[in-house]
Amino acid sequence: MSFDTYRGVVYPAQTDAMGHMTVQYYVAAFDQAMWHLVARLGYNPDWRNELDEGWADVRYEIDFRSELKTGDLFSVVSKVVNVGKSSLKSSHQLVGQNGVVAAELAMTSVYFHLKDRKSIPIPDVIRDEALSATSSEFK
């Protein structure tokens, strides 16, 4: 199952000398999309402070497919690919307003104890929802 996880517009300050959105802003959009994905799966952002629990991204593999320019609207569609004991693999497509995929990201994130600085098991509420979400493809 896929989810709309982020929407944005390319501003002039987000472009390079050739007028295309720079890599750092693709990564920023994917990062924000991940937070919306895990929230949709049951992660409560307050757990960062209440339980000292959060997420650490440990792997990004990005394929750039087409370019976005100033003023282009885009969205990110995300899905869960695999759920481990403490890790979550997700896939994200950044899609331009014309429906063309501008970039795809394969991401591995680890559920993490923020003070102990080590991975911990993903809470059952998140794991159960993530497992049920792995059954279908992108729309």
N, C-alpha and C. Protein backbone atom coordinates (compact mmCIF):
# COMPACT_ATOMS: atom_id res chain seq x y z
N MET A 1 0.85 -1.17 0.00
CA MET A 1 0.00 0.00 0.00
C MET A 1 0.90 1.24 0.00
N SER A 2 0.58 2.20 -0.83
CA SER A 2 1.38 3.41 -0.88
C SER A 2 0.60 4.58 -0.28
N PHE A 3 1.35 5.56 0.19
CA PHE A 3 0.78 6.72 0.87
C PHE A 3 1.36 8.00 0.28
N ASP A 4 0.53 9.02 0.12
CA ASP A 4 1.04 10.35 -0.19
C ASP A 4 1.66 10.87 1.10
N THR A 5 2.94 11.19 1.05
CA THR A 5 3.64 11.55 2.28
C THR A 5 4.25 12.95 2.28
N TYR A 6 4.28 13.61 1.12
CA TYR A 6 4.85 14.96 1.11
C TYR A 6 4.45 15.66 -0.19
N ARG A 7 4.25 16.97 -0.10
CA ARG A 7 4.00 17.80 -1.28
C ARG A 7 4.86 19.04 -1.17
N GLY A 8 5.36 19.49 -2.31
CA GLY A 8 6.20 20.67 -2.30
C GLY A 8 6.19 21.41 -3.62
N VAL A 9 6.91 22.50 -3.63
CA VAL A 9 7.12 23.31 -4.83
C VAL A 9 8.59 23.67 -4.86
N VAL A 10 9.17 23.73 -6.04
CA VAL A 10 10.58 24.08 -6.18
C VAL A 10 10.72 25.61 -6.20
N TYR A 11 11.43 26.14 -5.22
CA TYR A 11 11.70 27.57 -5.14
C TYR A 11 13.03 27.90 -5.80
N PRO A 12 13.21 29.14 -6.26
CA PRO A 12 14.47 29.51 -6.92
C PRO A 12 15.71 29.19 -6.07
N ALA A 13 15.63 29.39 -4.77
CA ALA A 13 16.78 29.15 -3.90
C ALA A 13 17.12 27.66 -3.78
N GLN A 14 16.24 26.79 -4.26
CA GLN A 14 16.47 25.35 -4.20
C GLN A 14 17.06 24.80 -5.49
N THR A 15 17.47 25.69 -6.38
CA THR A 15 17.98 25.24 -7.67
C THR A 15 19.47 25.53 -7.81
N ASP A 16 20.07 24.82 -8.77
CA ASP A 16 21.50 25.00 -9.04
C ASP A 16 21.69 26.00 -10.19
N ALA A 17 22.90 26.13 -10.66
CA ALA A 17 23.22 27.08 -11.71
C ALA A 17 22.52 26.76 -13.03
N MET A 18 22.04 25.55 -13.18
CA MET A 18 21.33 25.14 -14.40
C MET A 18 19.82 25.27 -14.25
N GLY A 19 19.37 25.73 -13.07
CA GLY A 19 17.95 25.93 -12.85
C GLY A 19 17.18 24.69 -12.44
N HIS A 20 17.88 23.64 -12.03
CA HIS A 20 17.23 22.40 -11.60
C HIS A 20 17.31 22.27 -10.08
N MET A 21 16.32 21.62 -9.48
CA MET A 21 16.34 21.40 -8.04
C MET A 21 17.60 20.60 -7.67
N THR A 22 18.29 21.05 -6.62
CA THR A 22 19.53 20.40 -6.22
C THR A 22 19.26 19.17 -5.37
N VAL A 23 20.24 18.31 -5.32
CA VAL A 23 20.14 17.04 -4.62
C VAL A 23 19.72 17.21 -3.16
N GLN A 24 20.24 18.23 -2.48
CA GLN A 24 19.92 18.40 -1.07
C GLN A 24 18.43 18.57 -0.82
N TYR A 25 17.71 19.12 -1.79
CA TYR A 25 16.27 19.32 -1.61
C TYR A 25 15.47 18.07 -1.95
N TYR A 26 15.99 17.23 -2.83
CA TYR A 26 15.39 15.91 -3.02
C TYR A 26 15.48 15.14 -1.70
N VAL A 27 16.67 15.14 -1.11
CA VAL A 27 16.89 14.42 0.15
C VAL A 27 16.00 14.99 1.25
N ALA A 28 15.86 16.31 1.32
CA ALA A 28 15.00 16.93 2.33
C ALA A 28 13.55 16.48 2.16
N ALA A 29 13.07 16.43 0.91
CA ALA A 29 11.69 15.99 0.66
C ALA A 29 11.52 14.53 1.07
N PHE A 30 12.49 13.68 0.74
CA PHE A 30 12.42 12.27 1.12
C PHE A 30 12.46 12.12 2.65
N ASP A 31 13.27 12.90 3.32
CA ASP A 31 13.36 12.84 4.78
C ASP A 31 12.03 13.21 5.42
N GLN A 32 11.40 14.28 4.93
CA GLN A 32 10.11 14.67 5.49
C GLN A 32 9.04 13.62 5.19
N ALA A 33 9.11 13.04 3.99
CA ALA A 33 8.16 11.99 3.62
C ALA A 33 8.28 10.80 4.58
N MET A 34 9.50 10.46 4.97
CA MET A 34 9.69 9.33 5.88
C MET A 34 8.99 9.56 7.21
N TRP A 35 9.07 10.80 7.74
CA TRP A 35 8.41 11.10 9.01
C TRP A 35 6.90 10.95 8.90
N HIS A 36 6.35 11.34 7.76
CA HIS A 36 4.91 11.18 7.55
C HIS A 36 4.54 9.71 7.39
N LEU A 37 5.42 8.94 6.75
CA LEU A 37 5.15 7.51 6.59
C LEU A 37 5.11 6.81 7.95
N VAL A 38 6.13 7.02 8.78
CA VAL A 38 6.14 6.32 10.07
C VAL A 38 5.02 6.80 10.99
N ALA A 39 4.64 8.07 10.87
CA ALA A 39 3.49 8.54 11.65
C ALA A 39 2.22 7.81 11.20
N ARG A 40 2.09 7.62 9.90
CA ARG A 40 0.93 6.90 9.37
C ARG A 40 0.92 5.44 9.87
N LEU A 41 2.09 4.90 10.13
CA LEU A 41 2.21 3.52 10.63
C LEU A 41 2.00 3.42 12.14
N GLY A 42 1.91 4.56 12.83
CA GLY A 42 1.65 4.53 14.26
C GLY A 42 2.72 5.14 15.14
N TYR A 43 3.82 5.59 14.56
CA TYR A 43 4.85 6.24 15.37
C TYR A 43 4.34 7.60 15.84
N ASN A 44 4.51 7.88 17.11
CA ASN A 44 4.10 9.15 17.69
C ASN A 44 5.35 10.02 17.85
N PRO A 45 5.43 11.16 17.18
CA PRO A 45 6.62 12.01 17.29
C PRO A 45 6.95 12.43 18.73
N ASP A 46 5.96 12.43 19.62
CA ASP A 46 6.23 12.76 21.01
C ASP A 46 7.13 11.73 21.69
N TRP A 47 7.21 10.53 21.12
CA TRP A 47 8.07 9.49 21.69
C TRP A 47 9.54 9.91 21.70
N ARG A 48 9.91 10.87 20.82
CA ARG A 48 11.30 11.36 20.83
C ARG A 48 11.64 11.90 22.20
N ASN A 49 10.71 12.64 22.81
CA ASN A 49 10.96 13.24 24.12
C ASN A 49 10.49 12.37 25.27
N GLU A 50 9.33 11.71 25.10
CA GLU A 50 8.76 10.92 26.19
C GLU A 50 9.51 9.60 26.42
N LEU A 51 9.93 8.94 25.35
CA LEU A 51 10.56 7.62 25.46
C LEU A 51 12.00 7.59 24.97
N ASP A 52 12.48 8.72 24.45
CA ASP A 52 13.81 8.78 23.83
C ASP A 52 13.94 7.78 22.68
N GLU A 53 12.87 7.65 21.89
CA GLU A 53 12.87 6.72 20.77
C GLU A 53 12.60 7.47 19.47
N GLY A 54 13.30 7.07 18.44
CA GLY A 54 13.12 7.69 17.14
C GLY A 54 13.68 6.82 16.04
N TRP A 55 14.05 7.44 14.95
CA TRP A 55 14.50 6.72 13.75
C TRP A 55 15.86 7.26 13.31
N ALA A 56 16.70 6.37 12.83
CA ALA A 56 17.98 6.75 12.23
C ALA A 56 18.02 6.14 10.83
N ASP A 57 18.15 6.99 9.82
CA ASP A 57 18.30 6.48 8.46
C ASP A 57 19.74 6.01 8.30
N VAL A 58 19.89 4.78 7.81
CA VAL A 58 21.22 4.21 7.70
C VAL A 58 21.63 3.93 6.26
N ARG A 59 20.67 3.98 5.33
CA ARG A 59 21.01 3.74 3.93
C ARG A 59 20.03 4.46 3.02
N TYR A 60 20.59 5.16 2.03
CA TYR A 60 19.82 5.80 0.96
C TYR A 60 20.40 5.32 -0.37
N GLU A 61 19.54 4.92 -1.27
CA GLU A 61 19.95 4.65 -2.64
C GLU A 61 18.97 5.40 -3.53
N ILE A 62 19.47 6.45 -4.20
CA ILE A 62 18.61 7.34 -4.99
C ILE A 62 18.90 7.19 -6.47
N ASP A 63 17.84 7.07 -7.24
CA ASP A 63 17.93 7.11 -8.70
C ASP A 63 17.24 8.39 -9.16
N PHE A 64 17.99 9.24 -9.85
CA PHE A 64 17.43 10.47 -10.40
C PHE A 64 16.97 10.18 -11.82
N ARG A 65 15.72 10.48 -12.11
CA ARG A 65 15.11 10.10 -13.39
C ARG A 65 14.80 11.29 -14.29
N SER A 66 14.36 12.39 -13.73
CA SER A 66 14.07 13.59 -14.52
C SER A 66 14.28 14.80 -13.62
N GLU A 67 14.31 15.97 -14.22
CA GLU A 67 14.65 17.16 -13.46
C GLU A 67 13.42 18.01 -13.15
N LEU A 68 13.47 18.64 -12.01
CA LEU A 68 12.44 19.61 -11.62
C LEU A 68 13.04 21.00 -11.70
N LYS A 69 12.22 21.97 -12.10
CA LYS A 69 12.67 23.35 -12.24
C LYS A 69 11.86 24.27 -11.34
N THR A 70 12.32 25.48 -11.20
CA THR A 70 11.63 26.48 -10.39
C THR A 70 10.14 26.53 -10.73
N GLY A 71 9.33 26.48 -9.68
CA GLY A 71 7.88 26.56 -9.83
C GLY A 71 7.19 25.23 -10.00
N ASP A 72 7.95 24.15 -10.25
CA ASP A 72 7.33 22.84 -10.41
C ASP A 72 6.75 22.35 -9.08
N LEU A 73 5.54 21.85 -9.12
CA LEU A 73 4.94 21.18 -7.97
C LEU A 73 5.35 19.72 -8.02
N PHE A 74 5.47 19.11 -6.84
CA PHE A 74 5.81 17.70 -6.78
C PHE A 74 5.20 17.08 -5.54
N SER A 75 5.14 15.76 -5.53
CA SER A 75 4.69 15.03 -4.36
C SER A 75 5.57 13.81 -4.18
N VAL A 76 5.54 13.26 -2.98
CA VAL A 76 6.26 12.02 -2.69
C VAL A 76 5.23 10.98 -2.30
N VAL A 77 5.35 9.81 -2.91
CA VAL A 77 4.51 8.66 -2.60
C VAL A 77 5.44 7.61 -1.99
N SER A 78 5.04 7.07 -0.84
CA SER A 78 5.92 6.17 -0.09
C SER A 78 5.23 4.85 0.22
N LYS A 79 6.04 3.82 0.37
CA LYS A 79 5.50 2.53 0.79
C LYS A 79 6.54 1.78 1.60
N VAL A 80 6.05 0.84 2.41
CA VAL A 80 6.91 -0.05 3.18
C VAL A 80 7.29 -1.22 2.29
N VAL A 81 8.57 -1.55 2.27
CA VAL A 81 9.06 -2.67 1.47
C VAL A 81 9.29 -3.90 2.34
N ASN A 82 9.87 -3.69 3.52
CA ASN A 82 10.19 -4.81 4.40
C ASN A 82 10.30 -4.31 5.84
N VAL A 83 9.95 -5.18 6.78
CA VAL A 83 10.03 -4.84 8.19
C VAL A 83 10.89 -5.90 8.88
N GLY A 84 11.93 -5.46 9.56
CA GLY A 84 12.76 -6.35 10.35
C GLY A 84 12.48 -6.15 11.83
N LYS A 85 13.34 -6.71 12.67
CA LYS A 85 13.17 -6.56 14.13
C LYS A 85 13.27 -5.10 14.54
N SER A 86 14.31 -4.41 14.01
CA SER A 86 14.50 -3.01 14.36
C SER A 86 14.64 -2.11 13.13
N SER A 87 14.51 -2.69 11.95
CA SER A 87 14.69 -1.89 10.74
C SER A 87 13.44 -1.88 9.87
N LEU A 88 13.33 -0.81 9.10
CA LEU A 88 12.22 -0.63 8.18
C LEU A 88 12.81 -0.22 6.84
N LYS A 89 12.49 -0.98 5.80
CA LYS A 89 12.89 -0.61 4.45
C LYS A 89 11.68 -0.01 3.77
N SER A 90 11.91 1.16 3.17
CA SER A 90 10.83 1.86 2.49
C SER A 90 11.28 2.32 1.12
N SER A 91 10.30 2.60 0.28
CA SER A 91 10.55 3.08 -1.07
C SER A 91 9.74 4.35 -1.27
N HIS A 92 10.36 5.33 -1.91
CA HIS A 92 9.72 6.63 -2.08
C HIS A 92 9.90 7.09 -3.52
N GLN A 93 8.83 7.59 -4.11
CA GLN A 93 8.90 8.17 -5.46
C GLN A 93 8.55 9.64 -5.37
N LEU A 94 9.44 10.49 -5.88
CA LEU A 94 9.18 11.91 -5.97
C LEU A 94 8.67 12.16 -7.39
N VAL A 95 7.43 12.61 -7.48
CA VAL A 95 6.72 12.70 -8.75
C VAL A 95 6.38 14.15 -9.07
N GLY A 96 6.72 14.58 -10.29
CA GLY A 96 6.40 15.93 -10.72
C GLY A 96 4.92 16.07 -11.01
N GLN A 97 4.47 17.32 -11.16
CA GLN A 97 3.06 17.60 -11.41
C GLN A 97 2.56 16.97 -12.70
N ASN A 98 3.49 16.64 -13.60
CA ASN A 98 3.12 16.01 -14.87
C ASN A 98 3.00 14.50 -14.75
N GLY A 99 3.19 13.97 -13.55
CA GLY A 99 3.10 12.53 -13.31
C GLY A 99 4.37 11.76 -13.58
N VAL A 100 5.43 12.45 -14.00
CA VAL A 100 6.71 11.80 -14.28
C VAL A 100 7.50 11.66 -12.99
N VAL A 101 8.07 10.49 -12.77
CA VAL A 101 8.90 10.25 -11.59
C VAL A 101 10.22 10.98 -11.77
N ALA A 102 10.52 11.90 -10.87
CA ALA A 102 11.76 12.66 -10.92
C ALA A 102 12.89 11.93 -10.20
N ALA A 103 12.55 11.19 -9.12
CA ALA A 103 13.56 10.46 -8.37
C ALA A 103 12.89 9.35 -7.56
N GLU A 104 13.65 8.29 -7.35
CA GLU A 104 13.19 7.18 -6.50
C GLU A 104 14.25 6.92 -5.44
N LEU A 105 13.78 6.61 -4.26
CA LEU A 105 14.69 6.35 -3.14
C LEU A 105 14.34 5.03 -2.48
N ALA A 106 15.35 4.19 -2.28
CA ALA A 106 15.24 3.02 -1.42
C ALA A 106 15.94 3.40 -0.12
N MET A 107 15.21 3.32 1.00
CA MET A 107 15.71 3.80 2.28
C MET A 107 15.64 2.68 3.32
N THR A 108 16.66 2.59 4.13
CA THR A 108 16.64 1.71 5.30
C THR A 108 16.77 2.60 6.53
N SER A 109 15.82 2.43 7.45
CA SER A 109 15.81 3.20 8.69
C SER A 109 15.78 2.22 9.86
N VAL A 110 16.40 2.62 10.95
CA VAL A 110 16.48 1.78 12.14
C VAL A 110 15.76 2.48 13.28
N TYR A 111 14.93 1.72 14.00
CA TYR A 111 14.31 2.26 15.20
C TYR A 111 15.39 2.34 16.25
N PHE A 112 15.44 3.46 16.98
CA PHE A 112 16.65 3.83 17.67
C PHE A 112 16.35 4.42 19.04
N HIS A 113 17.13 4.02 20.05
CA HIS A 113 17.05 4.66 21.35
C HIS A 113 18.00 5.85 21.32
N LEU A 114 17.45 7.04 21.49
CA LEU A 114 18.21 8.26 21.26
C LEU A 114 19.31 8.50 22.28
N LYS A 115 19.11 8.10 23.53
CA LYS A 115 20.15 8.32 24.55
C LYS A 115 21.18 7.19 24.55
N ASP A 116 20.72 5.95 24.39
CA ASP A 116 21.65 4.82 24.37
C ASP A 116 22.39 4.71 23.05
N ARG A 117 21.87 5.39 22.01
CA ARG A 117 22.48 5.40 20.68
C ARG A 117 22.62 3.99 20.11
N LYS A 118 21.52 3.21 20.22
CA LYS A 118 21.55 1.86 19.66
C LYS A 118 20.16 1.50 19.14
N SER A 119 20.12 0.54 18.23
CA SER A 119 18.84 0.10 17.68
C SER A 119 18.06 -0.66 18.74
N ILE A 120 16.73 -0.54 18.64
CA ILE A 120 15.82 -1.26 19.53
C ILE A 120 14.68 -1.82 18.68
N PRO A 121 13.94 -2.79 19.19
CA PRO A 121 12.84 -3.36 18.40
C PRO A 121 11.77 -2.32 18.07
N ILE A 122 11.26 -2.41 16.85
CA ILE A 122 10.16 -1.54 16.43
C ILE A 122 8.93 -1.92 17.27
N PRO A 123 8.23 -0.95 17.85
CA PRO A 123 7.03 -1.25 18.63
C PRO A 123 6.00 -2.04 17.80
N ASP A 124 5.30 -2.94 18.46
CA ASP A 124 4.33 -3.80 17.77
C ASP A 124 3.28 -3.01 17.00
N VAL A 125 2.83 -1.89 17.53
CA VAL A 125 1.80 -1.10 16.85
C VAL A 125 2.30 -0.64 15.47
N ILE A 126 3.57 -0.28 15.38
CA ILE A 126 4.16 0.13 14.10
C ILE A 126 4.43 -1.09 13.23
N ARG A 127 5.01 -2.12 13.82
CA ARG A 127 5.34 -3.34 13.06
C ARG A 127 4.09 -3.93 12.42
N ASP A 128 3.00 -4.05 13.19
CA ASP A 128 1.78 -4.65 12.66
C ASP A 128 1.23 -3.85 11.49
N GLU A 129 1.21 -2.54 11.62
CA GLU A 129 0.70 -1.69 10.54
C GLU A 129 1.63 -1.75 9.33
N ALA A 130 2.93 -1.76 9.57
CA ALA A 130 3.91 -1.83 8.47
C ALA A 130 3.79 -3.16 7.73
N LEU A 131 3.61 -4.24 8.45
CA LEU A 131 3.46 -5.54 7.80
C LEU A 131 2.21 -5.59 6.94
N SER A 132 1.13 -5.00 7.42
CA SER A 132 -0.11 -5.00 6.63
C SER A 132 0.01 -4.09 5.41
N ALA A 133 0.90 -3.11 5.47
CA ALA A 133 1.07 -2.17 4.36
C ALA A 133 2.01 -2.69 3.27
N THR A 134 2.71 -3.79 3.51
CA THR A 134 3.68 -4.28 2.54
C THR A 134 3.05 -5.10 1.41
N SER A 135 1.77 -5.30 1.43
CA SER A 135 1.15 -6.24 0.51
C SER A 135 0.85 -5.73 -0.90
N SER A 136 0.93 -4.42 -1.14
CA SER A 136 0.56 -3.95 -2.48
C SER A 136 1.63 -3.05 -3.08
N GLU A 137 1.52 -2.81 -4.36
CA GLU A 137 2.49 -2.02 -5.13
C GLU A 137 2.08 -0.55 -5.16
N PHE A 138 2.97 0.29 -5.73
CA PHE A 138 2.62 1.69 -5.97
C PHE A 138 1.40 1.76 -6.84
N LYS A 139 0.61 2.79 -6.65
CA LYS A 139 -0.59 3.00 -7.45
C LYS A 139 -0.23 3.14 -8.91
